[in-house]
Each structure stands twice: as structure tokens, then as C-alpha cells.
PDB file of N, CA and C in Angstrom:
ATOM      1  N   MET A   1       0.835  -1.171   0.000  1.00  0.00           N
ATOM      2  CA  MET A   1       0.000   0.000   0.000  1.00  0.00           C
ATOM      3  C   MET A   1       0.881   1.235   0.000  1.00  0.00           C
ATOM      4  N   SER A   2       0.563   2.200  -0.855  1.00  0.00           N
ATOM      5  CA  SER A   2       1.364   3.416  -0.914  1.00  0.00           C
ATOM      6  C   SER A   2       0.935   4.396   0.168  1.00  0.00           C
ATOM      7  N   ARG A   3       1.872   5.187   0.613  1.00  0.00           N
ATOM      8  CA  ARG A   3       1.586   6.182   1.636  1.00  0.00           C
ATOM      9  C   ARG A   3       1.139   7.473   0.959  1.00  0.00           C
ATOM     10  N   ARG A   4       0.013   7.997   1.380  1.00  0.00           N
ATOM     11  CA  ARG A   4      -0.524   9.227   0.807  1.00  0.00           C
ATOM     12  C   ARG A   4      -0.093  10.425   1.637  1.00  0.00           C
ATOM     13  N   ILE A   5       0.148  11.523   0.965  1.00  0.00           N
ATOM     14  CA  ILE A   5       0.429  12.773   1.643  1.00  0.00           C
ATOM     15  C   ILE A   5      -0.904  13.504   1.776  1.00  0.00           C
ATOM     16  N   THR A   6      -1.318  13.796   2.999  1.00  0.00           N
ATOM     17  CA  THR A   6      -2.622  14.416   3.207  1.00  0.00           C
ATOM     18  C   THR A   6      -2.524  15.861   3.671  1.00  0.00           C
ATOM     19  N   PHE A   7      -1.329  16.385   3.820  1.00  0.00           N
ATOM     20  CA  PHE A   7      -1.127  17.776   4.204  1.00  0.00           C
ATOM     21  C   PHE A   7      -1.796  18.122   5.528  1.00  0.00           C
ATOM     22  N   GLY A   8      -2.019  17.125   6.395  1.00  0.00           N
ATOM     23  CA  GLY A   8      -2.688  17.371   7.667  1.00  0.00           C
ATOM     24  C   GLY A   8      -4.162  17.684   7.516  1.00  0.00           C
ATOM     25  N   LEU A   9      -4.747  17.247   6.395  1.00  0.00           N
ATOM     26  CA  LEU A   9      -6.152  17.531   6.117  1.00  0.00           C
ATOM     27  C   LEU A   9      -6.959  16.246   6.062  1.00  0.00           C
ATOM     28  N   LYS A  10      -8.241  16.373   6.326  1.00  0.00           N
ATOM     29  CA  LYS A  10      -9.178  15.267   6.137  1.00  0.00           C
ATOM     30  C   LYS A  10     -10.336  15.798   5.303  1.00  0.00           C
ATOM     31  N   ALA A  11     -11.043  14.900   4.615  1.00  0.00           N
ATOM     32  CA  ALA A  11     -12.111  15.300   3.698  1.00  0.00           C
ATOM     33  C   ALA A  11     -13.477  14.942   4.251  1.00  0.00           C
ATOM     34  N   CYS A  12     -14.406  15.856   4.109  1.00  0.00           N
ATOM     35  CA  CYS A  12     -15.789  15.574   4.473  1.00  0.00           C
ATOM     36  C   CYS A  12     -16.332  14.537   3.491  1.00  0.00           C
ATOM     37  N   VAL A  13     -16.920  13.492   4.004  1.00  0.00           N
ATOM     38  CA  VAL A  13     -17.439  12.424   3.149  1.00  0.00           C
ATOM     39  C   VAL A  13     -18.639  12.915   2.334  1.00  0.00           C
ATOM     40  N   LYS A  14     -19.403  13.846   2.875  1.00  0.00           N
ATOM     41  CA  LYS A  14     -20.620  14.324   2.209  1.00  0.00           C
ATOM     42  C   LYS A  14     -20.334  15.334   1.097  1.00  0.00           C
ATOM     43  N   CYS A  15     -19.535  16.381   1.375  1.00  0.00           N
ATOM     44  CA  CYS A  15     -19.331  17.448   0.379  1.00  0.00           C
ATOM     45  C   CYS A  15     -17.895  17.550  -0.137  1.00  0.00           C
ATOM     46  N   LYS A  16     -16.975  16.747   0.397  1.00  0.00           N
ATOM     47  CA  LYS A  16     -15.570  16.672  -0.017  1.00  0.00           C
ATOM     48  C   LYS A  16     -14.723  17.870   0.391  1.00  0.00           C
ATOM     49  N   ARG A  17     -15.226  18.733   1.233  1.00  0.00           N
ATOM     50  CA  ARG A  17     -14.452  19.887   1.713  1.00  0.00           C
ATOM     51  C   ARG A  17     -13.268  19.382   2.530  1.00  0.00           C
ATOM     52  N   LEU A  18     -12.097  19.931   2.295  1.00  0.00           N
ATOM     53  CA  LEU A  18     -10.908  19.575   3.056  1.00  0.00           C
ATOM     54  C   LEU A  18     -10.786  20.511   4.255  1.00  0.00           C
ATOM     55  N   VAL A  19     -10.611  19.913   5.428  1.00  0.00           N
ATOM     56  CA  VAL A  19     -10.496  20.686   6.665  1.00  0.00           C
ATOM     57  C   VAL A  19      -9.292  20.199   7.458  1.00  0.00           C
ATOM     58  N   GLU A  20      -8.859  21.003   8.410  1.00  0.00           N
ATOM     59  CA  GLU A  20      -7.760  20.633   9.293  1.00  0.00           C
ATOM     60  C   GLU A  20      -8.161  19.420  10.127  1.00  0.00           C
ATOM     61  N   GLU A  21      -7.187  18.634  10.541  1.00  0.00           N
ATOM     62  CA  GLU A  21      -7.431  17.431  11.339  1.00  0.00           C
ATOM     63  C   GLU A  21      -8.231  17.716  12.613  1.00  0.00           C
ATOM     64  N   LYS A  22      -8.036  18.897  13.200  1.00  0.00           N
ATOM     65  CA  LYS A  22      -8.679  19.222  14.472  1.00  0.00           C
ATOM     66  C   LYS A  22     -10.170  19.531  14.352  1.00  0.00           C
ATOM     67  N   GLU A  23     -10.646  19.827  13.138  1.00  0.00           N
ATOM     68  CA  GLU A  23     -12.060  20.174  12.945  1.00  0.00           C
ATOM     69  C   GLU A  23     -12.964  18.995  13.267  1.00  0.00           C
ATOM     70  N   LYS A  24     -14.080  19.279  13.907  1.00  0.00           N
ATOM     71  CA  LYS A  24     -15.052  18.233  14.281  1.00  0.00           C
ATOM     72  C   LYS A  24     -16.287  18.254  13.389  1.00  0.00           C
ATOM     73  N   VAL A  25     -16.606  19.437  12.831  1.00  0.00           N
ATOM     74  CA  VAL A  25     -17.806  19.610  12.012  1.00  0.00           C
ATOM     75  C   VAL A  25     -17.418  20.311  10.718  1.00  0.00           C
ATOM     76  N   CYS A  26     -17.953  19.851   9.609  1.00  0.00           N
ATOM     77  CA  CYS A  26     -17.671  20.464   8.313  1.00  0.00           C
ATOM     78  C   CYS A  26     -18.295  21.860   8.261  1.00  0.00           C
ATOM     79  N   PRO A  27     -17.511  22.877   7.897  1.00  0.00           N
ATOM     80  CA  PRO A  27     -18.042  24.241   7.836  1.00  0.00           C
ATOM     81  C   PRO A  27     -18.991  24.475   6.659  1.00  0.00           C
ATOM     82  N   VAL A  28     -19.017  23.568   5.696  1.00  0.00           N
ATOM     83  CA  VAL A  28     -19.879  23.736   4.528  1.00  0.00           C
ATOM     84  C   VAL A  28     -21.236  23.062   4.726  1.00  0.00           C
ATOM     85  N   CYS A  29     -21.230  21.785   5.101  1.00  0.00           N
ATOM     86  CA  CYS A  29     -22.491  21.038   5.162  1.00  0.00           C
ATOM     87  C   CYS A  29     -22.908  20.614   6.573  1.00  0.00           C
ATOM     88  N   GLY A  30     -22.024  20.801   7.552  1.00  0.00           N
ATOM     89  CA  GLY A  30     -22.368  20.453   8.929  1.00  0.00           C
ATOM     90  C   GLY A  30     -22.185  18.985   9.280  1.00  0.00           C
ATOM     91  N   SER A  31     -21.674  18.195   8.356  1.00  0.00           N
ATOM     92  CA  SER A  31     -21.458  16.762   8.600  1.00  0.00           C
ATOM     93  C   SER A  31     -20.331  16.547   9.611  1.00  0.00           C
ATOM     94  N   THR A  32     -20.377  15.410  10.287  1.00  0.00           N
ATOM     95  CA  THR A  32     -19.301  15.034  11.209  1.00  0.00           C
ATOM     96  C   THR A  32     -18.580  13.781  10.715  1.00  0.00           C
ATOM     97  N   SER A  33     -18.846  13.399   9.469  1.00  0.00           N
ATOM     98  CA  SER A  33     -18.237  12.208   8.876  1.00  0.00           C
ATOM     99  C   SER A  33     -17.077  12.632   7.972  1.00  0.00           C
ATOM    100  N   PHE A  34     -15.857  12.227   8.361  1.00  0.00           N
ATOM    101  CA  PHE A  34     -14.659  12.592   7.616  1.00  0.00           C
ATOM    102  C   PHE A  34     -13.851  11.362   7.241  1.00  0.00           C
ATOM    103  N   SER A  35     -13.012  11.518   6.214  1.00  0.00           N
ATOM    104  CA  SER A  35     -12.103  10.459   5.792  1.00  0.00           C
ATOM    105  C   SER A  35     -10.703  11.038   5.640  1.00  0.00           C
ATOM    106  N   ARG A  36      -9.716  10.271   6.045  1.00  0.00           N
ATOM    107  CA  ARG A  36      -8.323  10.660   5.823  1.00  0.00           C
ATOM    108  C   ARG A  36      -7.797  10.062   4.519  1.00  0.00           C
ATOM    109  N   GLU A  37      -8.642   9.309   3.856  1.00  0.00           N
ATOM    110  CA  GLU A  37      -8.306   8.686   2.572  1.00  0.00           C
ATOM    111  C   GLU A  37      -8.955   9.488   1.453  1.00  0.00           C
ATOM    112  N   TRP A  38      -8.185  10.354   0.838  1.00  0.00           N
ATOM    113  CA  TRP A  38      -8.683  11.164  -0.263  1.00  0.00           C
ATOM    114  C   TRP A  38      -7.554  11.404  -1.253  1.00  0.00           C
ATOM    115  N   SER A  39      -7.917  11.798  -2.465  1.00  0.00           N
ATOM    116  CA  SER A  39      -6.883  12.100  -3.461  1.00  0.00           C
ATOM    117  C   SER A  39      -7.324  13.264  -4.333  1.00  0.00           C
ATOM    118  N   GLY A  40      -6.339  13.992  -4.818  1.00  0.00           N
ATOM    119  CA  GLY A  40      -6.589  15.152  -5.657  1.00  0.00           C
ATOM    120  C   GLY A  40      -7.156  16.313  -4.862  1.00  0.00           C
ATOM    121  N   MET A  41      -6.746  17.511  -5.229  1.00  0.00           N
ATOM    122  CA  MET A  41      -7.238  18.699  -4.533  1.00  0.00           C
ATOM    123  C   MET A  41      -7.528  19.797  -5.549  1.00  0.00           C
ATOM    124  N   VAL A  42      -8.640  20.478  -5.327  1.00  0.00           N
ATOM    125  CA  VAL A  42      -8.985  21.637  -6.130  1.00  0.00           C
ATOM    126  C   VAL A  42      -9.266  22.781  -5.154  1.00  0.00           C
ATOM    127  N   ILE A  43      -8.782  23.967  -5.499  1.00  0.00           N
ATOM    128  CA  ILE A  43      -9.027  25.140  -4.667  1.00  0.00           C
ATOM    129  C   ILE A  43      -9.925  26.076  -5.460  1.00  0.00           C
ATOM    130  N   ILE A  44     -11.063  26.389  -4.885  1.00  0.00           N
ATOM    131  CA  ILE A  44     -12.044  27.252  -5.539  1.00  0.00           C
ATOM    132  C   ILE A  44     -12.067  28.596  -4.823  1.00  0.00           C
ATOM    133  N   TYR A  45     -11.849  29.674  -5.577  1.00  0.00           N
ATOM    134  CA  TYR A  45     -11.857  31.019  -5.011  1.00  0.00           C
ATOM    135  C   TYR A  45     -13.203  31.711  -5.214  1.00  0.00           C
ATOM    136  N   LYS A  46     -13.719  31.635  -6.436  1.00  0.00           N
ATOM    137  CA  LYS A  46     -14.987  32.299  -6.764  1.00  0.00           C
ATOM    138  C   LYS A  46     -15.931  31.271  -7.391  1.00  0.00           C
ATOM    139  N   PRO A  47     -16.638  30.518  -6.560  1.00  0.00           N
ATOM    140  CA  PRO A  47     -17.478  29.439  -7.100  1.00  0.00           C
ATOM    141  C   PRO A  47     -18.555  29.920  -8.070  1.00  0.00           C
ATOM    142  N   GLU A  48     -19.044  31.137  -7.872  1.00  0.00           N
ATOM    143  CA  GLU A  48     -20.088  31.658  -8.753  1.00  0.00           C
ATOM    144  C   GLU A  48     -19.577  31.936 -10.167  1.00  0.00           C
ATOM    145  N   GLU A  49     -18.253  32.047 -10.338  1.00  0.00           N
ATOM    146  CA  GLU A  49     -17.658  32.301 -11.651  1.00  0.00           C
ATOM    147  C   GLU A  49     -16.934  31.087 -12.229  1.00  0.00           C
ATOM    148  N   SER A  50     -16.906  29.998 -11.497  1.00  0.00           N
ATOM    149  CA  SER A  50     -16.110  28.831 -11.879  1.00  0.00           C
ATOM    150  C   SER A  50     -16.960  27.725 -12.510  1.00  0.00           C
ATOM    151  N   GLN A  51     -16.592  27.342 -13.728  1.00  0.00           N
ATOM    152  CA  GLN A  51     -17.272  26.224 -14.388  1.00  0.00           C
ATOM    153  C   GLN A  51     -16.980  24.913 -13.645  1.00  0.00           C
ATOM    154  N   LEU A  52     -15.756  24.768 -13.159  1.00  0.00           N
ATOM    155  CA  LEU A  52     -15.396  23.568 -12.406  1.00  0.00           C
ATOM    156  C   LEU A  52     -16.232  23.469 -11.130  1.00  0.00           C
ATOM    157  N   ALA A  53     -16.405  24.575 -10.431  1.00  0.00           N
ATOM    158  CA  ALA A  53     -17.234  24.577  -9.213  1.00  0.00           C
ATOM    159  C   ALA A  53     -18.663  24.163  -9.539  1.00  0.00           C
ATOM    160  N   LYS A  54     -19.172  24.641 -10.647  1.00  0.00           N
ATOM    161  CA  LYS A  54     -20.535  24.266 -11.048  1.00  0.00           C
ATOM    162  C   LYS A  54     -20.618  22.770 -11.334  1.00  0.00           C
ATOM    163  N   MET A  55     -19.611  22.237 -12.038  1.00  0.00           N
ATOM    164  CA  MET A  55     -19.588  20.802 -12.348  1.00  0.00           C
ATOM    165  C   MET A  55     -19.525  19.960 -11.082  1.00  0.00           C
ATOM    166  N   LEU A  56     -18.756  20.422 -10.094  1.00  0.00           N
ATOM    167  CA  LEU A  56     -18.577  19.682  -8.852  1.00  0.00           C
ATOM    168  C   LEU A  56     -19.624  20.044  -7.796  1.00  0.00           C
ATOM    169  N   LYS A  57     -20.539  20.952  -8.138  1.00  0.00           N
ATOM    170  CA  LYS A  57     -21.599  21.419  -7.236  1.00  0.00           C
ATOM    171  C   LYS A  57     -21.033  22.049  -5.968  1.00  0.00           C
ATOM    172  N   ILE A  58     -19.982  22.849  -6.142  1.00  0.00           N
ATOM    173  CA  ILE A  58     -19.347  23.565  -5.034  1.00  0.00           C
ATOM    174  C   ILE A  58     -19.898  24.982  -5.016  1.00  0.00           C
ATOM    175  N   THR A  59     -20.400  25.412  -3.859  1.00  0.00           N
ATOM    176  CA  THR A  59     -20.998  26.741  -3.756  1.00  0.00           C
ATOM    177  C   THR A  59     -20.234  27.676  -2.824  1.00  0.00           C
ATOM    178  N   LYS A  60     -19.276  27.153  -2.070  1.00  0.00           N
ATOM    179  CA  LYS A  60     -18.506  27.980  -1.148  1.00  0.00           C
ATOM    180  C   LYS A  60     -17.017  27.858  -1.474  1.00  0.00           C
ATOM    181  N   PRO A  61     -16.269  28.967  -1.384  1.00  0.00           N
ATOM    182  CA  PRO A  61     -14.829  28.918  -1.646  1.00  0.00           C
ATOM    183  C   PRO A  61     -14.108  28.002  -0.653  1.00  0.00           C
ATOM    184  N   GLY A  62     -13.004  27.398  -1.112  1.00  0.00           N
ATOM    185  CA  GLY A  62     -12.203  26.565  -0.226  1.00  0.00           C
ATOM    186  C   GLY A  62     -11.477  25.461  -0.960  1.00  0.00           C
ATOM    187  N   ARG A  63     -10.878  24.562  -0.167  1.00  0.00           N
ATOM    188  CA  ARG A  63     -10.150  23.411  -0.703  1.00  0.00           C
ATOM    189  C   ARG A  63     -11.077  22.203  -0.678  1.00  0.00           C
ATOM    190  N   TYR A  64     -11.100  21.446  -1.779  1.00  0.00           N
ATOM    191  CA  TYR A  64     -11.961  20.275  -1.891  1.00  0.00           C
ATOM    192  C   TYR A  64     -11.166  19.102  -2.455  1.00  0.00           C
ATOM    193  N   ALA A  65     -11.499  17.907  -1.995  1.00  0.00           N
ATOM    194  CA  ALA A  65     -10.900  16.686  -2.529  1.00  0.00           C
ATOM    195  C   ALA A  65     -11.603  16.329  -3.842  1.00  0.00           C
ATOM    196  N   ILE A  66     -10.852  15.775  -4.773  1.00  0.00           N
ATOM    197  CA  ILE A  66     -11.443  15.295  -6.017  1.00  0.00           C
ATOM    198  C   ILE A  66     -12.129  13.950  -5.754  1.00  0.00           C
ATOM    199  N   LYS A  67     -11.471  13.101  -4.973  1.00  0.00           N
ATOM    200  CA  LYS A  67     -12.005  11.776  -4.672  1.00  0.00           C
ATOM    201  C   LYS A  67     -11.847  11.479  -3.189  1.00  0.00           C
ATOM    202  N   VAL A  68     -12.930  11.043  -2.558  1.00  0.00           N
ATOM    203  CA  VAL A  68     -12.889  10.632  -1.150  1.00  0.00           C
ATOM    204  C   VAL A  68     -13.157   9.144  -1.113  1.00  0.00           C
ATOM    205  N   ILE A  69     -12.267   8.423  -0.430  1.00  0.00           N
ATOM    206  CA  ILE A  69     -12.355   6.963  -0.371  1.00  0.00           C
ATOM    207  C   ILE A  69     -13.010   6.541   0.922  1.00  0.00           C
TER     208      ILE A  69
END
């Protein structure tokens, strides 16, 4: 098994928002379900102007995982 670099972040299982390890609740959707197994990262600054944000259904700026395992 390969070792993944997670940058000290975990991903919300529901909305894929990346948060610091210490966070208990997702600031976007309020979920408490997180995974440390994720890959790929996208940073969205202006979701209202981003085609990628629209495709990924992201409505708030921030860091998001591409895939959550």
C-alpha cells in the first residue's frame, strides 16, 4: 500500500471539503463524517464564476478533494 500525503487535512465524506485534522464539524455542510483517505485537490476562489465549481456542485470557496475513499 502506498503512503498518501494528506497535508494534515481530512475530507468531508458528504461534500468533499478539506479541513484541518482538528475540525469536528464540516463548515460547509455540517457533517461530522470525515475520511483521511482522499486524493486530488482543487481550490475554488470564486465558485459563482467557476465552471469547475458548477460541475462539482461547489458553492462555497475553499479546498476540496477530487475523490474521497
